[in-house]
Protein backbone atom coordinates (compact mmCIF):
# COMPACT_ATOMS: atom_id res chain seq x y z
CA UNK A 1 13.55 18.89 -6.34
CA UNK A 2 11.66 16.25 -5.17
CA UNK A 3 13.18 13.70 -3.15
CA UNK A 4 13.10 9.47 -4.36
CA UNK A 5 11.18 9.04 -1.57
CA UNK A 6 8.49 11.64 -2.70
CA UNK A 7 8.83 10.50 -6.56
CA UNK A 8 7.33 6.70 -5.78
CA UNK A 9 4.84 7.97 -2.55
CA UNK A 10 3.23 10.51 -5.75
CA UNK A 11 3.83 7.63 -8.59
CA UNK A 12 1.70 5.45 -6.13
CA UNK A 13 -0.64 7.53 -5.88
CA UNK A 14 -0.89 7.79 -8.87
CA UNK A 15 -1.70 4.49 -10.01
CA UNK A 16 -4.51 4.44 -7.32
CA UNK A 17 -7.20 3.04 -9.67
CA UNK A 18 -9.89 4.80 -7.80
CA UNK A 19 -8.39 7.57 -8.65
CA UNK A 20 -9.27 7.25 -12.47
CA UNK A 21 -12.90 6.40 -13.39
CA UNK A 22 -12.06 5.81 -17.04
CA UNK A 23 -9.31 2.70 -15.66
CA UNK A 24 -12.80 1.49 -13.35
CA UNK A 25 -15.19 2.51 -16.53
CA UNK A 26 -12.92 0.68 -18.52
CA UNK A 27 -12.14 -2.81 -16.19
CA UNK A 28 -16.57 -2.71 -15.43
CA UNK A 29 -16.80 -2.36 -19.96
CA UNK A 30 -15.17 -5.17 -19.64
CA UNK A 31 -16.87 -7.83 -16.85
CA UNK A 32 -20.01 -6.66 -18.39
CA UNK A 33 -18.73 -7.38 -22.35
CA UNK A 34 -17.58 -10.91 -21.47
CA UNK A 35 -20.58 -11.78 -18.57
CA UNK A 36 -20.85 -15.02 -19.89
CA UNK A 37 -16.83 -15.94 -20.51
CA UNK A 38 -14.39 -15.44 -18.12
CA UNK A 39 -15.86 -14.05 -15.73
CA UNK A 40 -18.89 -16.38 -14.72
CA UNK A 41 -16.90 -18.90 -14.49
CA UNK A 42 -14.49 -17.20 -11.31
CA UNK A 43 -15.62 -18.00 -8.10
CA UNK A 44 -16.40 -15.51 -6.05
CA UNK A 45 -12.64 -15.62 -5.03
CA UNK A 46 -11.11 -15.64 -8.52
CA UNK A 47 -12.70 -12.37 -9.41
CA UNK A 48 -10.92 -9.53 -7.09
CA UNK A 49 -7.23 -11.34 -8.36
CA UNK A 50 -8.82 -10.51 -11.82
CA UNK A 51 -10.29 -7.37 -11.05
CA UNK A 52 -6.37 -6.80 -10.17
CA UNK A 53 -5.62 -8.32 -13.27
CA UNK A 54 -7.52 -6.17 -15.47
CA UNK A 55 -6.26 -2.95 -14.15
CA UNK A 56 -2.32 -3.33 -14.70
CA UNK A 57 -0.70 -1.11 -13.90
CA UNK A 58 -3.37 0.49 -12.16
CA UNK A 59 -4.60 -1.15 -8.00
CA UNK A 60 -8.05 -0.67 -7.18
CA UNK A 61 -8.97 -0.16 -3.77
CA UNK A 62 -10.19 -3.23 -1.66
CA UNK A 63 -13.65 -1.77 -1.56
CA UNK A 64 -13.75 -0.54 -5.33
CA UNK A 65 -12.85 -4.74 -6.01
CA UNK A 66 -15.76 -5.30 -3.90
CA UNK A 67 -17.91 -3.22 -5.47
CA UNK A 68 -17.35 -4.33 -8.69
CA UNK A 69 -18.16 -7.40 -7.99
CA UNK A 70 -21.41 -7.08 -5.87
CA UNK A 71 -22.74 -5.09 -9.17
CA UNK A 72 -21.80 -7.64 -11.63
CA UNK A 73 -22.73 -11.08 -9.93
């Protein structure tokens, strides 16, 4: 039987967006489709927050966020 800490640890691991390629693909597609809209008007400081917003409830790593910004700037 799993203890409560084990369950929350497994849930937190499952929410890491890096482990779900389709989540990253969905975020990338959204950025590409809107490249002239919201994304184009965001500052470099706002782009990580926008990526995190698009990923909810998943949590992309700082490395994935940086990669998405670099590839779409």
